[in-house]
Amino acid sequence: MTVSLEQLRRCSVAVDLGAARTRVYLKRFGVIVDAPSAVAVNTRSGALIAVGAPAERMVGRTPGHIRVVRPVAGGTVVDIDMARRMLRALLGDRLRRAWRRRPTALRAAVCVPHGAEPLARRAAVETLTGLGARRVELVDGLIAAAVGAGLPVAEPEATMIVLCGASTSHAAVLSLGSTVAAETVPVGGEIIDRAVVQHLRSHHELLLPGQAVHPLHLAMSVAPAGQAEAEVYGRDVTTGRFRTVSVDTDGVRAAIRPPLTSLVDAIRGVLRQCQPDLVADLADRGITLVGGSAALPGLDTMLRQATGMPVRVAEQPAVCAVEGLGAMLEGRVQPFHRDPLGR
């Protein structure tokens, strides 16, 4: 599907369906939804129990007849019906009232992962049309995130972006509104958290609840290497009782290094595919990190050391994609030489 900026300006709503969070941008209003992509459903009756943050708090705490579902995986809708129900509940009456007042403006734009398969694109379209959208435009998430980060995507100069998601990450070089080279790796915030949990189990015989990983992230972000410890609580593997241990964050940094190595390899692979002139541009401009996992402590430093290039984290990395898509809807983007699907 080919889409132009003129077609995007006719849309009234933009949606970024992520594995971790769902965000919705309403034209002239800004971001109206920013919530976890989670739904709690009663398996006996099929009724929704909770959506968004309340559903996420139920993970690991529900009885057998209540299940917490994540209808989006890796930026791709894997359960169309549940994704529709989630969006309908998150949007409430506000968007439906706006659309009823303007029945001819039932157009929506949605981010899709770079290189998404036809079935994944179709799932995104069917999710939005099921909510009443008359037409759905698909936009490459890399292009949208780059626009949201304020990068000069439309210029004849190289721009490198690394989109760090919950379950996958994408590294790409952009120029003239198109993707010159890109790589995708199955590394994201969830994979990093699993590495931390496994480290704590192996070295401290501690089983962690999901939220117990956050103090470790905070400790790594506020103290330099070799000078930080964090207290985490969890269940003892042997006794089953809850206890608190003091964890050296250097060990945690070492535990998350292996999965991050594949991201470094992807960046190097992208650079090898580029012409020398483009790489020369990147030597000065460097790499921009976007996405919900871009603020992982030490990620920018590790990439800087591994590539020898400047690395910066976007001002609001988590919302770059939806903000960029919103800028396209509002007409605040310089025209591309090619379509925003990056082809």
Protein backbone atom coordinates (compact mmCIF):
# COMPACT_ATOMS: atom_id res chain seq x y z
CA MET A 1 0.00 0.00 0.00
CA THR A 2 1.45 3.34 -1.08
CA VAL A 3 0.68 6.36 1.10
CA SER A 4 1.61 10.01 0.64
CA LEU A 5 1.78 12.88 3.10
CA GLU A 6 -1.30 14.33 1.38
CA GLN A 7 -3.23 11.17 2.21
CA LEU A 8 -1.99 11.24 5.80
CA ARG A 9 -3.19 14.82 6.23
CA ARG A 10 -6.71 13.56 5.55
CA CYS A 11 -6.52 11.22 8.56
CA SER A 12 -7.98 12.27 11.89
CA VAL A 13 -6.33 9.74 14.21
CA ALA A 14 -2.92 8.04 14.45
CA VAL A 15 -2.26 4.81 16.31
CA ASP A 16 0.99 3.24 17.51
CA LEU A 17 0.27 -0.35 18.56
CA GLY A 18 3.27 -1.54 20.55
CA ALA A 19 3.94 -4.75 22.41
CA ALA A 20 4.37 -2.79 25.64
CA ARG A 21 2.13 0.28 25.19
CA THR A 22 -0.57 1.56 22.87
CA ARG A 23 -0.66 5.24 21.98
CA VAL A 24 -3.32 7.19 20.08
CA TYR A 25 -2.94 10.68 18.63
CA LEU A 26 -6.07 12.66 17.78
CA LYS A 27 -5.69 15.47 15.25
CA ARG A 28 -5.65 18.91 16.90
CA PHE A 29 -5.75 17.30 20.37
CA GLY A 30 -2.43 15.44 20.59
CA VAL A 31 -1.84 12.14 22.37
CA ILE A 32 -5.08 11.08 24.06
CA VAL A 33 -4.16 7.48 24.95
CA ASP A 34 -0.87 6.15 26.36
CA ALA A 35 -1.53 2.87 28.13
CA PRO A 36 -0.09 -0.64 28.46
CA SER A 37 -1.16 -3.05 25.69
CA ALA A 38 -2.84 -5.45 28.09
CA VAL A 39 -6.36 -6.83 28.52
CA ALA A 40 -7.71 -8.91 31.41
CA VAL A 41 -10.55 -11.18 30.27
CA ASN A 42 -12.86 -13.64 32.04
CA THR A 43 -12.33 -16.93 30.20
CA ARG A 44 -15.71 -18.27 31.35
CA SER A 45 -17.89 -15.44 30.08
CA GLY A 46 -15.52 -13.67 27.65
CA ALA A 47 -16.14 -10.36 29.43
CA LEU A 48 -13.41 -7.75 29.80
CA ILE A 49 -12.30 -7.28 33.38
CA ALA A 50 -9.73 -4.50 32.87
CA VAL A 51 -7.75 -2.77 30.13
CA GLY A 52 -4.44 -0.93 30.15
CA ALA A 53 -2.69 -0.19 33.44
CA PRO A 54 -5.27 -2.00 35.66
CA ALA A 55 -4.87 -5.12 33.49
CA GLU A 56 -1.09 -4.94 33.64
CA ARG A 57 -1.18 -4.82 37.44
CA MET A 58 -3.05 -8.14 37.37
CA VAL A 59 -0.19 -10.05 35.70
CA GLY A 60 0.73 -12.98 37.94
CA ARG A 61 -2.07 -12.17 40.39
CA THR A 62 -5.24 -13.55 38.76
CA PRO A 63 -7.31 -16.65 39.55
CA GLY A 64 -7.53 -19.41 36.96
CA HIS A 65 -10.60 -18.06 35.15
CA ILE A 66 -9.08 -14.61 34.51
CA ARG A 67 -6.36 -14.29 31.88
CA VAL A 68 -4.23 -11.28 31.00
CA VAL A 69 -3.83 -11.06 27.22
CA ARG A 70 -1.37 -9.00 25.18
CA PRO A 71 -2.92 -8.67 21.71
CA VAL A 72 0.20 -7.08 20.20
CA ALA A 73 3.59 -8.75 19.90
CA GLY A 74 6.62 -7.09 18.33
CA GLY A 75 4.49 -4.26 16.99
CA THR A 76 2.22 -6.73 15.16
CA VAL A 77 -1.40 -7.43 16.05
CA VAL A 78 -1.66 -11.13 16.91
CA ASP A 79 -5.25 -11.08 18.20
CA ILE A 80 -7.43 -8.77 16.10
CA ASP A 81 -10.61 -9.17 18.13
CA MET A 82 -8.88 -8.50 21.45
CA ALA A 83 -6.95 -5.56 19.98
CA ARG A 84 -10.24 -4.01 18.84
CA ARG A 85 -11.80 -4.48 22.26
CA MET A 86 -8.74 -3.01 23.94
CA LEU A 87 -8.73 0.08 21.71
CA ARG A 88 -12.49 0.53 22.07
CA ALA A 89 -12.16 0.51 25.85
CA LEU A 90 -9.12 2.80 25.89
CA LEU A 91 -10.65 5.35 23.54
CA GLY A 92 -13.97 5.50 25.36
CA ASP A 93 -16.57 7.90 23.98
CA ARG A 94 -14.29 10.80 23.10
CA LEU A 95 -13.08 9.57 19.71
CA ARG A 96 -16.42 8.03 18.75
CA ARG A 97 -18.15 11.37 19.40
CA ALA A 98 -15.55 13.19 17.29
CA TRP A 99 -16.01 10.75 14.44
CA ARG A 100 -19.81 10.97 14.60
CA ARG A 101 -19.57 14.75 14.19
CA ARG A 102 -17.37 14.28 11.10
CA PRO A 103 -18.56 11.09 9.39
CA THR A 104 -16.55 11.82 6.26
CA ALA A 105 -13.28 11.92 8.21
CA LEU A 106 -13.15 8.31 9.31
CA ARG A 107 -9.52 7.87 8.31
CA ALA A 108 -6.78 6.50 10.50
CA ALA A 109 -3.01 6.06 10.23
CA VAL A 110 -1.14 3.29 12.03
CA CYS A 111 2.55 2.47 12.49
CA VAL A 112 3.73 -0.92 11.25
CA PRO A 113 7.16 -2.47 11.90
CA HIS A 114 9.72 -2.07 9.14
CA GLY A 115 9.51 -5.01 6.76
CA ALA A 116 6.17 -6.19 8.17
CA GLU A 117 4.66 -9.14 6.32
CA PRO A 118 1.38 -8.70 4.37
CA LEU A 119 -0.55 -10.59 7.06
CA ALA A 120 0.76 -8.24 9.73
CA ARG A 121 -0.26 -5.21 7.68
CA ARG A 122 -3.68 -6.69 7.06
CA ALA A 123 -4.14 -7.34 10.78
CA ALA A 124 -3.39 -3.67 11.54
CA VAL A 125 -5.88 -2.52 8.91
CA GLU A 126 -8.63 -4.87 10.11
CA THR A 127 -8.13 -3.76 13.71
CA LEU A 128 -8.82 -0.13 12.84
CA THR A 129 -11.58 -0.76 10.31
CA GLY A 130 -13.35 -2.79 12.99
CA LEU A 131 -13.51 0.38 15.07
CA GLY A 132 -15.19 2.35 12.30
CA ALA A 133 -12.29 3.72 10.24
CA ARG A 134 -13.30 4.05 6.59
CA ARG A 135 -9.69 4.00 5.41
CA VAL A 136 -6.43 3.04 7.13
CA GLU A 137 -3.00 4.29 6.03
CA LEU A 138 0.11 2.32 6.98
CA VAL A 139 3.37 4.10 7.85
CA ASP A 140 6.77 2.56 8.52
CA GLY A 141 7.46 2.88 12.24
CA LEU A 142 11.09 3.82 11.60
CA ILE A 143 10.10 6.82 9.48
CA ALA A 144 7.48 7.94 12.00
CA ALA A 145 9.91 7.63 14.92
CA ALA A 146 12.60 9.57 13.07
CA VAL A 147 10.15 12.39 12.34
CA GLY A 148 9.05 12.40 15.99
CA ALA A 149 12.67 12.62 17.12
CA GLY A 150 13.13 15.74 14.99
CA LEU A 151 15.57 14.17 12.55
CA PRO A 152 15.91 15.63 9.01
CA VAL A 153 14.43 12.55 7.35
CA ALA A 154 13.64 14.27 4.05
CA GLU A 155 17.16 15.65 3.51
CA PRO A 156 19.72 14.01 1.17
CA GLU A 157 21.89 13.14 4.18
CA ALA A 158 22.22 9.96 6.19
CA THR A 159 20.35 9.63 9.46
CA MET A 160 20.77 6.55 11.65
CA ILE A 161 18.06 5.52 14.04
CA VAL A 162 17.76 2.59 16.43
CA LEU A 163 14.20 1.83 17.49
CA CYS A 164 14.33 -0.13 20.76
CA GLY A 165 11.01 -1.85 21.42
CA ALA A 166 9.75 -4.25 24.05
CA SER A 167 10.50 -7.44 22.13
CA THR A 168 12.32 -6.36 18.95
CA SER A 169 14.69 -3.60 17.90
CA HIS A 170 15.32 -2.08 14.48
CA ALA A 171 18.47 -0.34 13.27
CA ALA A 172 18.27 1.67 10.05
CA VAL A 173 19.89 4.37 7.97
CA LEU A 174 17.43 6.83 6.40
CA SER A 175 17.86 9.34 3.60
CA LEU A 176 15.43 11.28 1.39
CA GLY A 177 12.44 9.97 3.33
CA SER A 178 13.34 6.35 2.64
CA THR A 179 15.13 3.45 4.30
CA VAL A 180 18.58 2.86 2.81
CA ALA A 181 19.44 -0.17 4.95
CA ALA A 182 17.84 -1.81 7.96
CA GLU A 183 18.25 -4.78 10.31
CA THR A 184 15.83 -6.27 12.84
CA VAL A 185 16.91 -8.21 15.93
CA PRO A 186 14.78 -10.00 18.57
CA VAL A 187 16.16 -7.86 21.40
CA GLY A 188 14.12 -5.46 23.49
CA GLY A 189 13.20 -4.38 26.98
CA GLU A 190 11.44 -7.64 27.82
CA ILE A 191 14.43 -9.72 26.73
CA ILE A 192 16.75 -7.54 28.81
CA ASP A 193 14.50 -7.97 31.85
CA ARG A 194 14.53 -11.74 31.37
CA ALA A 195 18.34 -11.70 31.36
CA VAL A 196 18.29 -9.80 34.65
CA VAL A 197 15.79 -12.23 36.19
CA GLN A 198 17.91 -15.19 35.10
CA HIS A 199 21.04 -13.56 36.55
CA LEU A 200 19.34 -13.09 39.92
CA ARG A 201 18.12 -16.68 39.92
CA SER A 202 21.53 -18.12 39.05
CA HIS A 203 23.70 -15.97 41.31
CA HIS A 204 21.37 -15.15 44.22
CA GLU A 205 18.83 -18.01 44.10
CA LEU A 206 16.06 -15.45 43.92
CA LEU A 207 12.88 -15.51 41.83
CA LEU A 208 11.76 -11.97 41.03
CA PRO A 209 8.33 -10.54 40.39
CA GLY A 210 8.33 -8.38 37.26
CA GLN A 211 8.33 -5.00 39.00
CA ALA A 212 11.40 -5.90 41.08
CA VAL A 213 13.64 -5.32 38.05
CA HIS A 214 12.93 -1.58 38.05
CA PRO A 215 15.09 -0.72 41.11
CA LEU A 216 18.05 -2.27 39.31
CA HIS A 217 17.45 -0.10 36.26
CA LEU A 218 17.24 2.96 38.50
CA ALA A 219 20.45 2.09 40.35
CA MET A 220 22.34 1.64 37.07
CA SER A 221 21.11 4.99 35.78
CA VAL A 222 22.10 7.12 38.80
CA ALA A 223 25.54 5.70 39.66
CA PRO A 224 28.68 4.96 37.63
CA ALA A 225 30.01 1.47 37.13
CA GLY A 226 31.61 -0.05 40.22
CA GLN A 227 29.83 2.27 42.66
CA ALA A 228 26.24 1.09 42.86
CA GLU A 229 24.23 -1.56 44.62
CA ALA A 230 20.49 -2.05 44.72
CA GLU A 231 18.18 -3.94 47.02
CA VAL A 232 15.64 -6.21 45.37
CA TYR A 233 13.09 -8.54 46.86
CA GLY A 234 11.92 -11.89 45.61
CA ARG A 235 11.13 -15.49 46.52
CA ASP A 236 13.92 -17.74 47.65
CA VAL A 237 14.33 -20.69 45.29
CA THR A 238 14.96 -23.14 48.15
CA THR A 239 12.70 -22.03 50.99
CA GLY A 240 9.93 -20.30 49.04
CA ARG A 241 10.02 -17.36 51.46
CA PHE A 242 10.40 -13.77 50.35
CA ARG A 243 13.71 -12.09 51.14
CA THR A 244 15.69 -9.03 50.15
CA VAL A 245 19.21 -9.15 48.70
CA SER A 246 21.77 -6.50 47.82
CA VAL A 247 22.79 -6.77 44.17
CA ASP A 248 25.95 -5.42 42.57
CA THR A 249 24.84 -3.57 39.45
CA ASP A 250 28.12 -4.39 37.68
CA GLY A 251 27.00 -8.01 37.62
CA VAL A 252 23.67 -6.96 36.16
CA ARG A 253 25.43 -4.94 33.46
CA ALA A 254 27.46 -8.02 32.57
CA ALA A 255 24.28 -10.12 32.41
CA ILE A 256 22.58 -7.85 29.88
CA ARG A 257 25.65 -7.49 27.67
CA PRO A 258 25.11 -10.70 25.61
CA PRO A 259 21.64 -9.77 24.28
CA LEU A 260 22.82 -6.24 23.55
CA THR A 261 25.71 -7.62 21.53
CA SER A 262 23.28 -8.75 18.83
CA LEU A 263 22.01 -5.17 18.59
CA VAL A 264 25.58 -3.94 18.09
CA ASP A 265 26.04 -6.56 15.35
CA ALA A 266 22.87 -5.32 13.64
CA ILE A 267 24.14 -1.73 13.66
CA ARG A 268 27.44 -2.84 12.15
CA GLY A 269 25.55 -4.84 9.52
CA VAL A 270 23.54 -1.77 8.53
CA LEU A 271 26.70 0.33 8.22
CA ARG A 272 28.30 -2.29 5.98
CA GLN A 273 25.35 -1.98 3.57
CA CYS A 274 25.73 1.82 3.21
CA GLN A 275 27.76 3.79 0.72
CA PRO A 276 30.88 5.56 2.05
CA ASP A 277 29.29 9.00 1.63
CA LEU A 278 26.41 8.01 3.91
CA VAL A 279 28.75 6.60 6.55
CA ALA A 280 30.71 9.86 6.43
CA ASP A 281 27.49 11.75 7.30
CA LEU A 282 26.92 9.45 10.25
CA ALA A 283 30.42 10.02 11.63
CA ASP A 284 29.29 13.53 12.59
CA ARG A 285 25.56 13.04 13.17
CA GLY A 286 25.81 9.68 14.92
CA ILE A 287 23.00 7.41 16.10
CA THR A 288 19.68 8.43 17.63
CA LEU A 289 17.96 6.00 20.01
CA VAL A 290 14.15 5.98 20.14
CA GLY A 291 11.53 3.64 21.56
CA GLY A 292 10.47 2.65 25.04
CA SER A 293 13.69 0.73 25.78
CA ALA A 294 16.04 3.45 24.48
CA ALA A 295 16.54 4.85 27.98
CA LEU A 296 17.95 1.56 29.30
CA PRO A 297 20.85 2.61 31.56
CA GLY A 298 24.20 2.27 29.83
CA LEU A 299 22.79 1.43 26.39
CA ASP A 300 23.97 4.65 24.76
CA THR A 301 27.43 4.29 26.33
CA MET A 302 27.80 0.71 25.16
CA LEU A 303 26.80 1.57 21.61
CA ARG A 304 29.14 4.55 21.59
CA GLN A 305 32.07 2.37 22.66
CA ALA A 306 31.21 -0.43 20.23
CA THR A 307 30.68 1.75 17.13
CA GLY A 308 32.94 4.74 17.80
CA MET A 309 30.06 7.03 16.77
CA PRO A 310 28.16 9.68 18.72
CA VAL A 311 25.00 8.25 20.30
CA ARG A 312 22.12 10.24 21.74
CA VAL A 313 18.75 9.34 23.20
CA ALA A 314 15.77 11.25 21.80
CA GLU A 315 14.13 13.74 24.15
CA GLN A 316 11.00 11.60 24.61
CA PRO A 317 12.01 8.29 23.05
CA ALA A 318 8.91 6.34 24.02
CA VAL A 319 6.46 8.59 22.14
CA CYS A 320 8.56 9.46 19.08
CA ALA A 321 6.62 7.17 16.73
CA VAL A 322 3.14 8.44 17.59
CA GLU A 323 4.31 12.07 17.76
CA GLY A 324 5.94 11.70 14.35
CA LEU A 325 2.78 10.19 12.93
CA GLY A 326 0.81 13.04 14.47
CA ALA A 327 3.14 15.58 12.85
CA MET A 328 2.42 13.99 9.47
CA LEU A 329 -1.33 14.25 10.14
CA GLU A 330 -1.00 17.92 11.12
CA GLY A 331 1.07 18.76 8.02
CA ARG A 332 4.17 19.75 10.00
CA VAL A 333 6.55 17.60 7.94
CA GLN A 334 8.66 18.53 4.94
CA PRO A 335 7.51 16.57 1.84
CA PHE A 336 9.28 13.27 1.24
CA HIS A 337 10.87 12.32 -2.05
CA ARG A 338 9.40 8.85 -1.50
CA ASP A 339 6.45 7.44 0.38
CA PRO A 340 6.57 7.09 4.20
CA LEU A 341 6.49 3.31 3.91
CA GLY A 342 10.14 3.69 3.04
CA ARG A 343 10.02 1.92 -0.34
